[in-house]
Protein backbone atom coordinates (compact mmCIF):
# COMPACT_ATOMS: atom_id res chain seq x y z
CA MET A 1 0.55 -14.77 24.77
CA ARG A 2 0.37 -11.26 25.45
CA THR A 3 1.26 -9.82 21.97
CA LEU A 4 2.21 -6.61 20.56
CA PHE A 5 1.35 -5.88 16.82
CA LEU A 6 3.63 -3.12 15.91
CA GLN A 7 4.27 -0.88 12.70
CA ALA A 8 7.86 0.35 14.18
CA PRO A 9 8.96 4.00 13.96
CA SER A 10 10.60 4.98 10.71
CA PHE A 11 11.60 8.07 8.80
CA ASP A 12 9.25 10.84 8.79
CA GLY A 13 6.24 10.62 6.63
CA PHE A 14 6.64 6.82 6.09
CA ASP A 15 3.21 5.33 5.59
CA GLY A 16 4.33 1.84 5.33
CA GLY A 17 1.52 0.44 7.41
CA ALA A 18 -0.44 0.33 4.30
CA GLY A 19 -0.93 -2.68 1.91
CA SER A 20 0.63 -0.33 -0.65
CA ARG A 21 2.85 -1.57 -3.20
CA TYR A 22 5.87 0.22 -2.10
CA GLN A 23 6.77 1.87 1.18
CA ALA A 24 8.16 5.44 0.76
CA ARG A 25 7.27 8.85 1.46
CA ARG A 26 4.65 10.42 -0.56
CA GLU A 27 4.52 13.66 -2.32
CA ILE A 28 2.35 15.07 0.54
CA ALA A 29 2.08 13.67 4.11
CA SER A 30 -0.34 10.60 3.93
CA PHE A 31 -0.98 7.54 6.29
CA TRP A 32 -2.75 4.35 5.58
CA TYR A 33 -4.30 2.01 8.06
CA PRO A 34 -2.16 -0.91 9.16
CA THR A 35 -4.70 -3.62 8.26
CA TRP A 36 -2.27 -6.20 7.54
CA LEU A 37 -1.28 -6.08 11.37
CA ALA A 38 -4.82 -5.35 12.58
CA GLN A 39 -6.34 -8.48 10.97
CA PRO A 40 -4.18 -10.94 12.94
CA ALA A 41 -4.54 -8.68 16.05
CA ALA A 42 -8.28 -9.27 15.51
CA LEU A 43 -7.69 -13.05 15.92
CA VAL A 44 -5.50 -12.89 19.06
CA GLU A 45 -6.69 -12.34 22.40
CA ASN A 46 -4.69 -10.10 25.03
CA SER A 47 -3.33 -8.19 21.76
CA LYS A 48 -2.35 -4.50 21.34
CA LEU A 49 -1.66 -2.75 18.13
CA ILE A 50 0.86 0.20 18.10
CA ASP A 51 1.05 2.03 14.71
CA ALA A 52 3.93 4.37 15.36
CA PRO A 53 4.42 6.49 12.41
CA PRO A 54 1.03 8.16 12.21
CA HIS A 55 0.72 8.46 16.04
CA ARG A 56 4.30 9.90 16.33
CA THR A 57 5.15 7.23 18.82
CA PRO A 58 8.76 7.33 19.71
CA LEU A 59 10.68 3.86 20.06
CA SER A 60 11.53 4.91 23.84
CA GLU A 61 7.63 4.92 24.63
CA ILE A 62 7.47 1.57 22.89
CA THR A 63 10.34 -0.09 24.59
CA ALA A 64 8.91 1.10 28.13
CA GLN A 65 6.01 -1.19 27.45
CA ALA A 66 8.10 -4.26 26.34
CA ARG A 67 7.72 -6.10 29.61
CA ASP A 68 3.87 -5.99 29.09
CA PHE A 69 4.29 -8.60 26.31
CA ASP A 70 5.41 -12.02 25.62
CA LEU A 71 5.45 -11.82 21.98
CA ALA A 72 6.12 -8.84 19.15
CA VAL A 73 5.06 -9.01 15.60
CA LEU A 74 6.38 -6.50 13.46
CA HIS A 75 5.31 -5.68 9.66
CA THR A 76 8.40 -5.25 7.69
CA SER A 77 9.34 -4.28 3.88
CA THR A 78 12.57 -4.14 1.90
CA PRO A 79 13.21 -0.45 2.77
CA SER A 80 12.38 -0.62 6.40
CA PHE A 81 13.99 -4.04 7.19
CA LYS A 82 17.10 -2.79 8.90
CA SER A 83 15.22 -0.30 11.04
CA ASP A 84 12.76 -2.84 12.21
CA VAL A 85 15.31 -5.18 13.20
CA LYS A 86 17.09 -2.33 15.25
CA THR A 87 13.56 -2.15 16.88
CA ILE A 88 13.38 -5.65 17.87
CA GLU A 89 16.91 -5.18 19.23
CA ALA A 90 15.70 -2.36 21.51
CA LEU A 91 12.50 -4.38 22.47
CA LYS A 92 14.58 -7.40 23.44
CA ALA A 93 17.15 -5.32 25.47
CA ALA A 94 14.14 -4.12 27.56
CA ASN A 95 12.68 -7.55 27.80
CA PRO A 96 15.13 -10.40 26.96
CA SER A 97 12.54 -13.22 27.19
CA LEU A 98 10.39 -11.60 24.41
CA LYS A 99 9.80 -13.50 21.38
CA ALA A 100 9.88 -11.51 18.07
CA GLY A 101 8.70 -12.25 14.62
CA LEU A 102 8.26 -10.43 11.24
CA ILE A 103 5.46 -10.57 8.77
CA GLY A 104 5.39 -8.98 5.27
CA ALA A 105 6.22 -9.41 1.70
CA LYS A 106 10.07 -8.88 2.36
CA VAL A 107 10.08 -12.07 4.63
CA ALA A 108 7.62 -13.73 2.41
CA VAL A 109 9.91 -14.19 -0.47
CA ASP A 110 13.09 -14.61 1.79
CA ALA A 111 12.56 -15.99 4.95
CA ALA A 112 15.92 -17.76 5.03
CA GLY A 113 17.80 -14.54 4.02
CA SER A 114 15.79 -12.41 6.45
CA LEU A 115 16.52 -14.64 9.51
CA ALA A 116 20.01 -15.20 8.36
CA ALA A 117 20.53 -11.32 8.24
CA ALA A 118 18.77 -10.72 11.83
CA PRO A 119 19.85 -13.12 14.48
CA VAL A 120 17.55 -11.39 16.96
CA VAL A 121 14.55 -12.37 15.04
CA ASP A 122 13.00 -15.35 16.27
CA PHE A 123 10.67 -16.36 13.46
CA VAL A 124 8.88 -15.04 10.22
CA ALA A 125 5.48 -15.90 9.11
CA ARG A 126 5.23 -16.41 5.52
CA ASN A 127 2.85 -15.53 2.77
CA GLU A 128 -0.70 -15.23 4.16
CA PHE A 129 0.23 -15.09 7.83
CA ASP A 130 -2.88 -14.34 9.74
CA PHE A 131 -3.64 -17.80 11.41
CA THR A 132 0.30 -18.75 11.51
CA VAL A 133 0.57 -15.65 14.00
CA LYS A 134 -2.37 -16.86 15.65
CA GLU A 135 -0.98 -20.35 16.38
CA VAL A 136 2.38 -18.76 17.62
CA ALA A 137 0.32 -16.52 20.00
CA ASP A 138 -1.76 -19.45 21.04
CA GLY A 139 1.46 -21.31 22.25
CA MET A 140 1.25 -24.11 19.66
CA ASP A 141 4.62 -26.13 19.01
CA TRP A 142 6.46 -24.21 16.26
CA LYS A 143 7.20 -27.40 14.58
CA ALA A 144 3.76 -27.88 13.90
CA ILE A 145 2.66 -24.53 12.59
CA ARG A 146 2.35 -24.13 8.72
CA GLY A 147 3.91 -21.25 7.09
CA LEU A 148 6.47 -20.57 9.82
CA SER A 149 10.27 -20.30 9.51
CA PHE A 150 11.99 -20.15 12.71
CA ARG A 151 15.15 -20.53 14.58
CA ASP A 152 15.24 -23.56 16.63
CA GLY A 153 16.92 -23.99 20.12
CA HIS A 154 20.18 -24.75 18.35
CA GLY A 155 20.26 -21.74 16.30
CA GLU A 156 19.28 -23.64 13.02
CA ILE A 157 16.83 -22.05 10.73
CA VAL A 158 13.64 -24.45 10.02
CA HIS A 159 11.03 -23.93 7.38
CA ASN A 160 8.00 -25.72 8.07
CA ALA A 161 5.42 -26.62 5.08
CA ASP A 162 3.48 -23.75 3.45
CA ARG A 163 -0.05 -22.97 4.78
CA PRO A 164 -2.77 -23.02 2.51
CA MET A 165 -4.41 -19.74 1.40
CA ILE A 166 -7.52 -18.96 3.26
CA GLU A 167 -10.57 -19.67 1.12
CA GLN A 168 -13.29 -18.90 3.63
CA MET A 169 -12.66 -15.16 4.22
CA ASP A 170 -15.65 -14.68 6.40
CA ALA A 171 -13.46 -16.76 8.95
CA LEU A 172 -11.45 -13.32 9.49
CA PRO A 173 -12.87 -11.09 11.93
CA PHE A 174 -13.64 -7.36 11.50
CA VAL A 175 -10.67 -5.18 11.75
CA THR A 176 -12.57 -2.02 12.49
CA PRO A 177 -12.92 -3.00 16.33
CA ILE A 178 -9.14 -3.00 16.57
CA TYR A 179 -9.08 0.43 14.94
CA LYS A 180 -11.55 1.63 17.64
CA ARG A 181 -9.58 -0.03 20.37
CA ASP A 182 -6.10 0.99 19.40
CA LEU A 183 -5.84 3.85 16.91
CA LYS A 184 -6.90 7.49 16.43
CA ILE A 185 -8.48 7.64 13.32
CA LYS A 186 -8.06 11.43 12.96
CA ASN A 187 -4.21 10.64 12.47
CA TYR A 188 -4.98 9.01 9.11
CA PHE A 189 -5.22 11.07 5.84
CA ILE A 190 -5.02 10.70 2.30
CA GLY A 191 -4.98 13.62 0.04
CA TYR A 192 -7.65 12.39 -2.29
CA LEU A 193 -9.90 11.05 0.46
CA LYS A 194 -12.39 12.73 2.65
CA HIS A 195 -11.01 13.23 6.16
CA PRO A 196 -11.48 11.35 8.35
CA TYR A 197 -11.58 8.24 6.31
CA ILE A 198 -11.49 4.45 7.14
CA SER A 199 -9.78 1.84 4.76
CA LEU A 200 -10.21 -2.10 4.79
CA TYR A 201 -10.18 -4.93 2.79
CA THR A 202 -13.08 -7.02 1.32
CA GLY A 203 -10.99 -9.48 -0.25
CA ARG A 204 -7.27 -10.43 -1.18
CA GLY A 205 -5.37 -11.30 -4.44
CA CYS A 206 -5.69 -9.91 -8.02
CA LYS A 207 -6.54 -11.54 -11.21
CA SER A 208 -4.18 -9.23 -13.14
CA ARG A 209 -0.68 -10.13 -13.80
CA CYS A 210 1.43 -6.82 -13.44
CA THR A 211 4.94 -7.69 -13.36
CA PHE A 212 5.88 -4.79 -10.78
CA CYS A 213 2.95 -5.45 -8.27
CA LEU A 214 4.22 -6.87 -5.02
CA TRP A 215 1.44 -8.03 -3.11
CA PRO A 216 -0.34 -10.50 -5.72
CA GLN A 217 3.23 -12.24 -6.49
CA THR A 218 4.08 -12.50 -2.68
CA VAL A 219 1.14 -12.48 -0.05
CA GLY A 220 -2.28 -12.34 -1.93
CA GLY A 221 -2.07 -14.19 -4.92
CA HIS A 222 -3.65 -14.11 -8.24
CA ARG A 223 -7.02 -15.30 -7.23
CA TYR A 224 -9.57 -12.79 -5.80
CA ARG A 225 -10.87 -14.49 -2.63
CA THR A 226 -13.68 -12.33 -1.16
CA ARG A 227 -15.87 -11.94 2.05
CA SER A 228 -19.52 -12.40 1.43
CA VAL A 229 -21.66 -9.34 0.65
CA GLY A 230 -23.39 -9.47 4.01
CA HIS A 231 -20.11 -9.72 5.98
CA VAL A 232 -18.75 -6.53 4.39
CA LEU A 233 -22.18 -4.79 4.73
CA GLU A 234 -22.24 -5.89 8.40
CA GLU A 235 -18.82 -4.42 9.09
CA ILE A 236 -19.75 -1.10 7.59
CA ALA A 237 -22.94 -0.84 9.45
CA TRP A 238 -21.00 -1.47 12.61
CA ALA A 239 -18.17 1.10 11.58
CA GLN A 240 -20.73 3.58 10.87
CA LYS A 241 -21.96 3.55 14.44
CA ALA A 242 -18.62 3.19 16.06
CA PHE A 243 -17.27 5.96 14.06
CA PRO A 244 -19.87 8.57 13.05
CA GLU A 245 -17.38 11.33 12.26
CA VAL A 246 -16.16 9.11 9.42
CA LYS A 247 -16.83 10.65 5.97
CA GLU A 248 -15.79 8.13 3.52
CA PHE A 249 -14.90 4.23 3.59
CA PHE A 250 -12.01 3.11 1.25
CA PHE A 251 -11.92 -0.59 0.04
CA ASP A 252 -8.21 -1.45 -0.30
CA ASP A 253 -8.54 -4.70 -2.33
CA ASP A 254 -6.02 -4.69 -5.06
CA THR A 255 -8.78 -4.58 -7.64
CA PHE A 256 -12.29 -4.15 -5.99
CA THR A 257 -13.93 -4.35 -9.53
CA ASP A 258 -12.38 -7.87 -10.39
CA ASP A 259 -15.76 -9.22 -9.36
CA LEU A 260 -18.13 -6.78 -10.88
CA PRO A 261 -21.49 -8.60 -9.97
CA ARG A 262 -20.32 -8.79 -6.22
CA ALA A 263 -19.04 -5.00 -6.59
CA MET A 264 -22.39 -3.88 -7.79
CA GLU A 265 -24.26 -5.62 -5.05
CA ILE A 266 -22.11 -4.32 -2.39
CA ALA A 267 -22.73 -0.86 -3.88
CA ARG A 268 -26.48 -1.17 -3.85
CA GLY A 269 -26.21 -2.31 -0.08
CA LEU A 270 -23.95 0.72 0.70
CA GLY A 271 -26.36 2.96 -0.92
CA LYS A 272 -29.03 1.71 1.50
CA LEU A 273 -26.73 2.53 4.39
CA GLY A 274 -25.89 5.95 3.09
CA VAL A 275 -22.34 5.90 3.05
CA THR A 276 -19.69 7.50 0.81
CA TRP A 277 -17.07 5.08 -0.54
CA SER A 278 -14.11 4.59 -2.73
CA CYS A 279 -12.15 1.73 -3.90
CA ASN A 280 -9.24 0.50 -6.21
CA ALA A 281 -10.42 -0.26 -9.77
CA LYS A 282 -8.98 -1.44 -13.35
CA ALA A 283 -9.56 1.17 -16.11
CA ASN A 284 -11.96 -1.05 -17.75
CA VAL A 285 -15.17 -1.02 -15.58
CA PRO A 286 -18.35 -0.79 -18.04
CA ARG A 287 -20.49 2.34 -17.87
CA GLU A 288 -23.39 0.31 -16.59
CA ALA A 289 -21.45 -0.98 -13.66
CA LEU A 290 -20.01 2.56 -12.88
CA LYS A 291 -23.42 4.08 -12.91
CA VAL A 292 -24.75 1.27 -10.39
CA MET A 293 -21.79 2.02 -8.19
CA ARG A 294 -22.20 5.63 -8.48
CA GLU A 295 -25.71 5.41 -7.53
CA GLY A 296 -24.71 3.51 -4.46
CA GLY A 297 -22.55 6.08 -3.05
CA LEU A 298 -19.17 5.67 -4.87
CA ARG A 299 -17.34 8.85 -4.80
CA LEU A 300 -13.73 7.89 -6.23
CA LEU A 301 -11.70 5.40 -8.11
CA LEU A 302 -8.06 4.82 -7.66
CA VAL A 303 -6.96 3.77 -10.98
CA GLY A 304 -3.58 2.26 -12.00
CA TYR A 305 -3.02 3.63 -15.49
CA GLU A 306 0.63 3.05 -15.11
CA SER A 307 1.59 4.31 -18.76
CA GLY A 308 0.30 5.81 -21.71
CA ASN A 309 2.28 3.59 -24.12
CA GLN A 310 0.62 0.57 -25.24
CA GLN A 311 3.65 -1.42 -25.55
CA ILE A 312 4.83 -0.68 -22.09
CA LEU A 313 1.54 -1.80 -21.01
CA HIS A 314 2.01 -5.06 -22.85
CA ASN A 315 5.47 -5.42 -21.47
CA ILE A 316 4.22 -5.25 -17.83
CA LYS A 317 1.33 -7.66 -18.67
CA LYS A 318 -1.20 -5.05 -17.56
CA GLY A 319 -3.90 -6.54 -19.78
CA MET A 320 -5.24 -3.14 -20.54
CA ARG A 321 -5.90 -1.27 -23.80
CA ILE A 322 -5.22 2.57 -24.13
CA GLU A 323 -8.57 3.25 -25.86
CA VAL A 324 -10.39 1.20 -23.30
CA ALA A 325 -8.88 3.15 -20.58
CA GLU A 326 -9.92 6.34 -22.17
CA ARG A 327 -13.42 5.41 -22.68
CA PHE A 328 -13.65 4.48 -18.98
CA THR A 329 -12.18 7.76 -17.75
CA LYS A 330 -14.76 9.59 -20.06
CA ASP A 331 -17.61 7.63 -18.41
CA CYS A 332 -16.31 8.37 -15.00
CA HIS A 333 -16.08 12.25 -15.70
CA ASP A 334 -19.76 11.84 -17.21
CA LEU A 335 -20.99 10.07 -14.30
CA GLY A 336 -19.47 12.41 -11.79
CA ILE A 337 -16.97 9.90 -10.34
CA THR A 338 -13.67 11.36 -9.31
CA ILE A 339 -10.30 9.48 -10.50
CA HIS A 340 -7.03 9.48 -8.49
CA GLY A 341 -4.80 8.21 -11.41
CA THR A 342 -1.39 6.66 -10.47
CA PHE A 343 1.36 6.38 -13.08
CA ILE A 344 4.73 4.83 -12.96
CA MET A 345 7.89 6.11 -14.71
CA GLY A 346 10.83 3.65 -15.79
CA LEU A 347 9.02 0.43 -16.65
CA PRO A 348 10.58 -1.90 -19.23
CA GLY A 349 10.57 -0.21 -22.57
CA GLU A 350 10.55 3.47 -21.32
CA SER A 351 12.45 5.86 -23.17
CA LYS A 352 12.28 9.78 -23.46
CA GLU A 353 9.47 9.42 -26.20
CA THR A 354 7.40 7.11 -23.97
CA ILE A 355 7.83 9.34 -20.94
CA GLU A 356 6.48 12.28 -23.03
CA GLU A 357 3.54 9.93 -24.26
CA THR A 358 2.45 9.18 -20.86
CA ILE A 359 2.32 12.88 -19.78
CA ARG A 360 0.49 13.78 -22.69
CA PHE A 361 -2.07 11.06 -22.03
CA ALA A 362 -2.60 11.97 -18.46
CA THR A 363 -3.12 15.50 -19.45
CA ARG A 364 -5.48 14.46 -22.12
CA ILE A 365 -8.06 12.14 -19.85
CA ASN A 366 -7.35 14.50 -17.01
CA PRO A 367 -7.88 12.54 -13.69
CA HIS A 368 -8.75 14.89 -10.78
CA THR A 369 -5.54 13.94 -9.00
CA ILE A 370 -2.36 12.03 -9.93
CA GLN A 371 0.49 10.06 -8.23
CA VAL A 372 3.60 9.38 -10.25
CA SER A 373 6.14 6.75 -8.99
CA LEU A 374 9.28 5.32 -10.16
CA ALA A 375 9.43 1.64 -11.11
CA ALA A 376 10.44 -0.32 -8.18
CA PRO A 377 11.64 -3.85 -8.72
CA TYR A 378 10.83 -5.50 -5.33
CA PRO A 379 12.27 -8.98 -4.50
CA GLY A 380 9.60 -11.35 -5.16
CA THR A 381 8.34 -9.80 -8.37
CA PHE A 382 8.76 -10.63 -12.20
CA LEU A 383 10.11 -7.18 -12.51
CA TYR A 384 12.97 -7.90 -10.11
CA GLN A 385 14.07 -11.10 -11.66
CA GLN A 386 13.83 -9.61 -15.16
CA ALA A 387 15.94 -6.43 -14.15
CA LEU A 388 18.71 -8.81 -12.74
CA GLU A 389 18.70 -10.80 -15.90
CA GLN A 390 18.63 -7.94 -18.42
CA GLY A 391 21.13 -5.86 -16.39
CA TRP A 392 18.62 -3.15 -15.56
CA LEU A 393 19.51 -3.12 -12.05
CA ASP A 394 23.10 -2.44 -10.75
CA ASP A 395 24.55 -2.52 -7.27
CA ALA A 396 25.36 1.26 -7.07
CA ASN A 397 21.56 1.94 -7.57
CA ALA A 398 19.96 -1.03 -6.20
CA GLU A 399 18.25 0.71 -3.08
CA LEU A 400 14.48 1.61 -3.41
CA VAL A 401 14.47 4.69 -1.10
CA ASP A 402 17.07 6.93 0.26
CA ASP A 403 17.82 7.60 3.95
CA HIS A 404 14.94 9.98 4.24
CA GLY A 405 12.62 7.58 2.60
CA VAL A 406 12.26 9.42 -0.70
CA GLN A 407 12.20 6.89 -3.63
CA ILE A 408 14.97 6.82 -6.00
CA ALA A 409 15.14 5.37 -9.59
CA PRO A 410 17.00 1.98 -9.40
CA LEU A 411 16.38 0.96 -12.91
CA HIS A 412 18.08 1.98 -16.05
CA TYR A 413 17.86 1.15 -19.63
CA PRO A 414 19.83 1.76 -23.07
CA GLY A 415 19.37 5.19 -23.95
CA LEU A 416 17.65 6.22 -20.65
CA SER A 417 19.52 6.76 -17.38
CA HIS A 418 18.64 6.63 -13.71
CA SER A 419 18.86 10.44 -13.50
CA GLU A 420 16.40 10.95 -16.52
CA ILE A 421 13.83 8.54 -15.09
CA PHE A 422 14.27 10.11 -11.69
CA ASP A 423 13.71 13.63 -13.23
CA SER A 424 10.88 12.58 -15.24
CA VAL A 425 8.67 12.64 -11.97
CA GLU A 426 8.92 16.06 -11.43
CA THR A 427 8.33 16.89 -14.98
CA PHE A 428 5.10 15.06 -14.97
CA TYR A 429 3.99 16.57 -11.96
CA ARG A 430 4.69 20.27 -13.20
CA ARG A 431 3.23 19.49 -16.62
CA PHE A 432 0.14 18.02 -15.28
CA TYR A 433 -0.62 20.42 -12.42
CA PHE A 434 0.59 23.64 -13.77
CA ARG A 435 -1.89 23.65 -16.79
CA ALA A 436 -4.07 26.80 -16.82
CA GLY A 437 -7.22 24.73 -16.80
CA LYS A 438 -5.88 22.45 -14.12
CA ILE A 439 -4.88 25.30 -11.83
CA GLY A 440 -8.33 26.96 -12.45
CA SER A 441 -10.31 23.90 -11.35
CA ILE A 442 -8.04 23.50 -8.20
CA VAL A 443 -8.68 27.21 -7.45
CA GLY A 444 -12.40 26.75 -7.90
CA GLU A 445 -12.27 23.79 -5.78
CA MET A 446 -10.93 25.66 -2.77
CA VAL A 447 -12.99 28.61 -3.33
CA ARG A 448 -16.11 26.48 -2.74
CA SER A 449 -14.84 24.92 0.40
CA PRO A 450 -12.80 26.57 3.21
CA ASP A 451 -11.77 23.27 4.45
CA MET A 452 -10.62 22.29 0.89
CA MET A 453 -8.69 25.32 0.64
CA LYS A 454 -6.80 24.61 3.90
CA ARG A 455 -6.00 21.30 2.76
CA ARG A 456 -4.79 22.06 -0.59
CA LEU A 457 -2.44 24.84 0.69
CA ARG A 458 -1.03 22.63 3.22
CA GLU A 459 -0.57 20.04 0.43
CA GLY A 460 1.00 22.63 -1.83
CA VAL A 461 3.71 23.41 0.64
CA GLU A 462 4.50 19.64 1.45
CA PHE A 463 4.77 19.13 -2.37
CA PHE A 464 7.32 21.93 -2.88
CA GLN A 465 9.11 20.68 -0.13
CA PHE A 466 9.18 17.14 -1.49
CA LEU A 467 10.35 18.55 -4.86
CA ARG A 468 13.19 20.28 -3.04
CA GLU A 469 14.38 17.12 -1.33
CA ARG A 470 14.20 15.19 -4.69
CA HIS A 471 16.47 17.99 -6.17
CA LYS A 472 18.88 17.32 -3.24
CA ILE A 473 18.94 13.67 -4.15
CA ALA A 474 19.75 14.51 -8.01
CA GLN A 475 22.49 16.69 -7.06
CA GLY A 476 23.98 14.05 -4.89
CA ALA A 477 23.73 11.50 -7.50
CA ALA A 478 25.20 13.79 -10.03
CA ASN A 479 28.29 14.59 -7.51
């Protein structure tokens, strides 16, 4: 079947093409690659990938192509679901014979509810959906396709047996040829990565059990299933030639350092290729391993610290000790490895005192840059179920983002309100970035690089615009 893989248009700044843990506007404009769509697109002949948000592709331009396809597959999420369904309605209005399906964590955990809420959707591919979608596109009888939930000829919803997880990850073709064919890589940018960059996965799943983390609990699982070292290096070597302008490769595995011997072997191979690369990591990598990765071209680690309070880390099953994270961070500083640290406000056990403790922790360990999020209880996560049972989530504040895509604070606790959690994000950013030493380091970075100066000035404007929008949300909530 002629198949369209689509990341639909959404609110301005939406970067939901990522395998990110939440889909919302960022503090600064950023766009991740739609790797979760590119992977099945690489499996399906006669496919096309349209990633509308970073390419500013309007819905009218997409519907004009609707008759060129027999099948449309859209990546959806809890915040974008209603909008994505409207996109399918527009596509089918232009091509009534079009079949349309959804993939993503939202439909993986609630296939029945998703189909019931959207009669225009013909099917959803649950959990790890790559080969499920391929079999639909190949014209296989839907009743025989594992991992598929669909609406039959009588309008009844049918759920087929689950599809086993992919064990031989090398069976998945490279995604970078799809990037080359269908995407403009200059449209993808992340503030802490060199531009242009490319991101991809070398494995799926995460051994950690963080209660808030969406993907391991819905799609990827808690076993780290990996591509072979040779398969990874072969794709990077191909991408080097296909994209000579790329300045950095990012491995978007949930925790690339879950398998340290493999990570070090890949690093040695990347060092021979002469590429600059970065990855997600847990704050417990030994200094010896960090040194090997640094020597192999590692530039940056994206590290989920989440909180500076040990009890909160226990509450969310992070499996991390504060003193280990501090030692790891010092080792990274000593070795010249840049850190983008991520933190979450409003996790179980949060209080005014723990918020202050986390801010002090972040300023003490001093990552190069930070990202501060609000705890988001996504359906399908332990945190979501816990919030319902404990009464932390109420109907009046159950949405995860507002109409403009800015994240809101859905959780509250005894002694800590929605608004106090919401406001803590801005306080955190101001306290971290407006320190004299931090301002000095940023200015020095800008002076050394004209390109960096332009980027940081643009990001500064975007950051203050973001804070202004958050103020409007806070004022609206207060009223």
